[in-house]
Amino acid sequence: MAMTFEDELAGMDILKILKMCLIHDLGEAIHGDIPAVEKNQHPDKSEQEKADLLHLTRSLDEPHRAGILAGI
């Protein structure tokens, strides 16, 4: 969606926006996403996504891992 609306995001750092989108989705890569209408049924969703992101980045070198984890 960020790429679709890139023209409307003029003046914003599109690379940073795309990185944020990718990192957000990485946190859902293992256990999937939860629809907004079901979020109340999963109070640990944020913690699970953080744990999954830590798991996915464990083999990266420290600069790359830190760059990804800086947004959580």
N, C-alpha and C. Protein backbone atom coordinates (compact mmCIF):
# COMPACT_ATOMS: atom_id res chain seq x y z
N MET A 1 0.83 -1.19 0.00
CA MET A 1 0.00 0.00 0.00
C MET A 1 0.87 1.26 0.00
N ALA A 2 2.00 1.19 0.69
CA ALA A 2 2.89 2.35 0.71
C ALA A 2 3.36 2.69 -0.70
N MET A 3 3.65 1.66 -1.48
CA MET A 3 4.09 1.90 -2.85
C MET A 3 2.95 2.45 -3.70
N THR A 4 1.76 1.99 -3.46
CA THR A 4 0.59 2.45 -4.22
C THR A 4 0.34 3.93 -3.99
N PHE A 5 0.53 4.38 -2.75
CA PHE A 5 0.26 5.77 -2.41
C PHE A 5 1.52 6.62 -2.33
N GLU A 6 2.58 6.16 -2.96
CA GLU A 6 3.85 6.88 -2.89
C GLU A 6 3.72 8.34 -3.32
N ASP A 7 2.93 8.62 -4.36
CA ASP A 7 2.75 10.00 -4.82
C ASP A 7 2.13 10.88 -3.75
N GLU A 8 1.27 10.30 -2.93
CA GLU A 8 0.61 11.07 -1.88
C GLU A 8 1.49 11.21 -0.64
N LEU A 9 2.61 10.51 -0.63
CA LEU A 9 3.53 10.58 0.50
C LEU A 9 4.73 11.46 0.17
N ALA A 10 4.57 12.33 -0.80
CA ALA A 10 5.65 13.22 -1.23
C ALA A 10 6.22 13.97 -0.02
N GLY A 11 7.52 14.05 0.01
CA GLY A 11 8.18 14.73 1.11
C GLY A 11 8.51 13.80 2.27
N MET A 12 8.01 12.58 2.21
CA MET A 12 8.30 11.61 3.27
C MET A 12 9.39 10.65 2.77
N ASP A 13 10.08 10.03 3.67
CA ASP A 13 11.15 9.11 3.35
C ASP A 13 10.53 7.75 2.98
N ILE A 14 10.32 7.51 1.69
CA ILE A 14 9.62 6.30 1.24
C ILE A 14 10.43 5.04 1.59
N LEU A 15 11.75 5.13 1.56
CA LEU A 15 12.56 3.97 1.94
C LEU A 15 12.31 3.60 3.40
N LYS A 16 12.27 4.60 4.27
CA LYS A 16 11.99 4.34 5.68
C LYS A 16 10.60 3.75 5.86
N ILE A 17 9.64 4.26 5.13
CA ILE A 17 8.27 3.75 5.21
C ILE A 17 8.22 2.28 4.78
N LEU A 18 8.90 1.95 3.68
CA LEU A 18 8.92 0.57 3.20
C LEU A 18 9.62 -0.36 4.20
N LYS A 19 10.69 0.11 4.80
CA LYS A 19 11.37 -0.69 5.83
C LYS A 19 10.43 -0.94 7.01
N MET A 20 9.70 0.08 7.41
CA MET A 20 8.75 -0.09 8.52
C MET A 20 7.69 -1.12 8.17
N CYS A 21 7.21 -1.09 6.95
CA CYS A 21 6.20 -2.06 6.50
C CYS A 21 6.76 -3.48 6.56
N LEU A 22 7.98 -3.65 6.06
CA LEU A 22 8.59 -4.98 6.05
C LEU A 22 8.85 -5.50 7.46
N ILE A 23 9.34 -4.65 8.32
CA ILE A 23 9.62 -5.07 9.70
C ILE A 23 8.32 -5.43 10.40
N HIS A 24 7.29 -4.65 10.17
CA HIS A 24 5.98 -4.96 10.75
C HIS A 24 5.51 -6.35 10.32
N ASP A 25 5.66 -6.65 9.05
CA ASP A 25 5.22 -7.96 8.54
C ASP A 25 6.11 -9.09 9.01
N LEU A 26 7.39 -8.83 9.26
CA LEU A 26 8.27 -9.88 9.77
C LEU A 26 7.77 -10.41 11.11
N GLY A 27 7.26 -9.52 11.93
CA GLY A 27 6.74 -9.92 13.23
C GLY A 27 5.54 -10.84 13.14
N GLU A 28 4.92 -10.91 11.99
CA GLU A 28 3.75 -11.77 11.78
C GLU A 28 4.08 -12.99 10.94
N ALA A 29 5.33 -13.14 10.54
CA ALA A 29 5.72 -14.18 9.60
C ALA A 29 5.57 -15.59 10.16
N ILE A 30 5.77 -15.78 11.43
CA ILE A 30 5.73 -17.12 12.00
C ILE A 30 4.32 -17.51 12.43
N HIS A 31 3.66 -16.67 13.19
CA HIS A 31 2.35 -17.01 13.73
C HIS A 31 1.19 -16.35 13.00
N GLY A 32 1.48 -15.56 11.98
CA GLY A 32 0.43 -14.93 11.19
C GLY A 32 -0.11 -13.66 11.82
N ASP A 33 -0.97 -13.01 11.07
CA ASP A 33 -1.59 -11.77 11.52
C ASP A 33 -2.93 -12.09 12.16
N ILE A 34 -3.37 -11.21 13.01
CA ILE A 34 -4.66 -11.35 13.66
C ILE A 34 -5.54 -10.21 13.17
N PRO A 35 -6.72 -10.51 12.65
CA PRO A 35 -7.62 -9.44 12.19
C PRO A 35 -7.93 -8.46 13.31
N ALA A 36 -8.10 -7.20 12.96
CA ALA A 36 -8.35 -6.16 13.96
C ALA A 36 -9.55 -6.48 14.84
N VAL A 37 -10.56 -7.11 14.29
CA VAL A 37 -11.76 -7.42 15.08
C VAL A 37 -11.50 -8.51 16.11
N GLU A 38 -10.37 -9.21 16.02
CA GLU A 38 -10.05 -10.28 16.96
C GLU A 38 -8.91 -9.91 17.92
N LYS A 39 -8.40 -8.71 17.83
CA LYS A 39 -7.24 -8.32 18.64
C LYS A 39 -7.50 -8.43 20.14
N ASN A 40 -8.72 -8.16 20.58
CA ASN A 40 -9.04 -8.26 22.01
C ASN A 40 -8.93 -9.69 22.51
N GLN A 41 -9.06 -10.66 21.62
CA GLN A 41 -8.98 -12.06 22.00
C GLN A 41 -7.53 -12.53 22.10
N HIS A 42 -6.59 -11.69 21.71
CA HIS A 42 -5.17 -12.04 21.69
C HIS A 42 -4.35 -10.93 22.36
N PRO A 43 -4.46 -10.79 23.67
CA PRO A 43 -3.75 -9.68 24.34
C PRO A 43 -2.23 -9.79 24.27
N ASP A 44 -1.70 -10.98 23.97
CA ASP A 44 -0.25 -11.16 23.91
C ASP A 44 0.31 -11.03 22.49
N LYS A 45 -0.51 -10.54 21.55
CA LYS A 45 -0.11 -10.44 20.15
C LYS A 45 1.20 -9.67 19.98
N SER A 46 1.33 -8.53 20.60
CA SER A 46 2.54 -7.71 20.45
C SER A 46 3.77 -8.44 20.98
N GLU A 47 3.63 -9.09 22.11
CA GLU A 47 4.76 -9.82 22.68
C GLU A 47 5.14 -11.00 21.80
N GLN A 48 4.14 -11.68 21.23
CA GLN A 48 4.42 -12.81 20.34
C GLN A 48 5.14 -12.34 19.08
N GLU A 49 4.69 -11.24 18.51
CA GLU A 49 5.34 -10.69 17.33
C GLU A 49 6.78 -10.27 17.64
N LYS A 50 7.00 -9.68 18.80
CA LYS A 50 8.35 -9.28 19.18
C LYS A 50 9.24 -10.52 19.34
N ALA A 51 8.73 -11.55 19.98
CA ALA A 51 9.49 -12.79 20.15
C ALA A 51 9.81 -13.42 18.79
N ASP A 52 8.84 -13.40 17.88
CA ASP A 52 9.06 -13.95 16.55
C ASP A 52 10.12 -13.16 15.79
N LEU A 53 10.07 -11.84 15.92
CA LEU A 53 11.06 -10.99 15.25
C LEU A 53 12.47 -11.24 15.82
N LEU A 54 12.56 -11.39 17.13
CA LEU A 54 13.85 -11.71 17.75
C LEU A 54 14.36 -13.06 17.24
N HIS A 55 13.46 -14.01 17.10
CA HIS A 55 13.83 -15.33 16.59
C HIS A 55 14.33 -15.23 15.14
N LEU A 56 13.62 -14.50 14.32
CA LEU A 56 13.98 -14.39 12.90
C LEU A 56 15.30 -13.65 12.68
N THR A 57 15.65 -12.76 13.59
CA THR A 57 16.87 -11.95 13.41
C THR A 57 18.07 -12.49 14.18
N ARG A 58 17.92 -13.60 14.86
CA ARG A 58 18.98 -14.11 15.73
C ARG A 58 20.29 -14.41 15.01
N SER A 59 20.22 -14.76 13.73
CA SER A 59 21.44 -15.13 13.01
C SER A 59 22.08 -13.96 12.25
N LEU A 60 21.49 -12.79 12.32
CA LEU A 60 22.06 -11.63 11.64
C LEU A 60 23.23 -11.06 12.43
N ASP A 61 24.13 -10.38 11.73
CA ASP A 61 25.20 -9.71 12.46
C ASP A 61 24.58 -8.54 13.24
N GLU A 62 25.29 -8.09 14.25
CA GLU A 62 24.71 -7.12 15.17
C GLU A 62 24.24 -5.82 14.52
N PRO A 63 24.97 -5.22 13.59
CA PRO A 63 24.47 -3.98 12.98
C PRO A 63 23.13 -4.17 12.25
N HIS A 64 23.00 -5.26 11.52
CA HIS A 64 21.74 -5.50 10.79
C HIS A 64 20.61 -5.81 11.76
N ARG A 65 20.92 -6.64 12.75
CA ARG A 65 19.90 -7.00 13.75
C ARG A 65 19.44 -5.74 14.50
N ALA A 66 20.37 -4.91 14.91
CA ALA A 66 20.03 -3.69 15.65
C ALA A 66 19.18 -2.75 14.79
N GLY A 67 19.50 -2.67 13.50
CA GLY A 67 18.74 -1.82 12.61
C GLY A 67 17.29 -2.26 12.49
N ILE A 68 17.07 -3.56 12.45
CA ILE A 68 15.71 -4.08 12.36
C ILE A 68 14.99 -3.93 13.69
N LEU A 69 15.67 -4.24 14.77
CA LEU A 69 15.04 -4.21 16.08
C LEU A 69 14.85 -2.80 16.63
N ALA A 70 15.46 -1.81 16.02
CA ALA A 70 15.33 -0.42 16.50
C ALA A 70 13.87 0.05 16.47
N GLY A 71 13.07 -0.54 15.62
CA GLY A 71 11.68 -0.10 15.50
C GLY A 71 10.71 -0.78 16.42
N ILE A 72 11.19 -1.70 17.28
CA ILE A 72 10.22 -2.38 18.16
C ILE A 72 10.30 -1.90 19.58
